[in-house]
Amino acid sequence: MKNANCLVCQSAIEIENDVFVGEIVECSDCGEEHEVMEANGLLTLELAPEIEESWGE
């Protein structure tokens, strides 16, 4: 298990060893969702995009 810091409140987020790029992880303190990304072979976190409703699509 790895740790990363929340981009909003800086609390520790535990990341499982079998996490995959594109997976969404949530901060247990503030509830903000982060997307697991990869840069130069390292896993990083970015704020997850807001999901917009598709009206009738």
Protein backbone atom coordinates (compact mmCIF):
# COMPACT_ATOMS: atom_id res chain seq x y z
CA MET A 1 0.00 0.00 0.00
CA LYS A 2 1.24 3.48 -0.88
CA ASN A 3 0.33 6.89 0.45
CA ALA A 4 -0.26 10.14 -1.40
CA ASN A 5 -1.56 13.49 -0.22
CA CYS A 6 -4.98 14.87 -1.07
CA LEU A 7 -4.68 17.80 -3.45
CA VAL A 8 -7.39 19.70 -1.54
CA CYS A 9 -6.83 19.13 2.20
CA GLN A 10 -3.36 17.50 2.16
CA SER A 11 -4.55 14.46 4.18
CA ALA A 12 -2.97 11.09 3.44
CA ILE A 13 -4.75 8.89 0.89
CA GLU A 14 -3.94 5.20 0.99
CA ILE A 15 -3.47 3.70 -2.47
CA GLU A 16 -3.58 -0.05 -2.96
CA ASN A 17 -0.61 -1.74 -4.65
CA ASP A 18 -2.82 -3.09 -7.44
CA VAL A 19 -4.25 0.33 -8.40
CA PHE A 20 -4.48 1.05 -12.14
CA VAL A 21 -4.15 4.25 -14.14
CA GLY A 22 -7.54 5.92 -14.49
CA GLU A 23 -8.89 4.53 -11.23
CA ILE A 24 -10.67 6.98 -8.91
CA VAL A 25 -9.60 7.17 -5.25
CA GLU A 26 -11.36 9.26 -2.63
CA CYS A 27 -9.95 11.24 0.28
CA SER A 28 -11.46 9.86 3.49
CA ASP A 29 -11.24 13.29 5.18
CA CYS A 30 -12.77 15.73 2.67
CA GLY A 31 -14.37 13.32 0.15
CA GLU A 32 -12.61 14.81 -2.89
CA GLU A 33 -12.12 12.31 -5.72
CA HIS A 34 -8.71 11.93 -7.38
CA GLU A 35 -7.79 10.11 -10.58
CA VAL A 36 -4.67 7.97 -10.61
CA MET A 37 -2.36 9.08 -13.43
CA GLU A 38 1.10 8.07 -14.61
CA ALA A 39 3.96 10.43 -15.40
CA ASN A 40 7.48 9.24 -16.22
CA GLY A 41 6.73 5.79 -14.81
CA LEU A 42 5.46 7.16 -11.48
CA LEU A 43 1.89 7.16 -10.26
CA THR A 44 0.47 10.59 -9.46
CA LEU A 45 -2.90 11.98 -8.46
CA GLU A 46 -4.97 14.63 -10.23
CA LEU A 47 -8.37 15.93 -9.28
CA ALA A 48 -10.99 13.73 -10.90
CA PRO A 49 -13.11 15.44 -13.54
CA GLU A 50 -16.65 16.30 -12.58
CA ILE A 51 -19.16 13.94 -14.13
CA GLU A 52 -21.78 15.88 -16.03
CA GLU A 53 -25.27 14.58 -16.62
CA SER A 54 -26.15 13.69 -20.17
CA TRP A 55 -29.69 14.85 -20.74
CA GLY A 56 -31.24 12.35 -23.11
CA GLU A 57 -28.01 11.11 -24.68
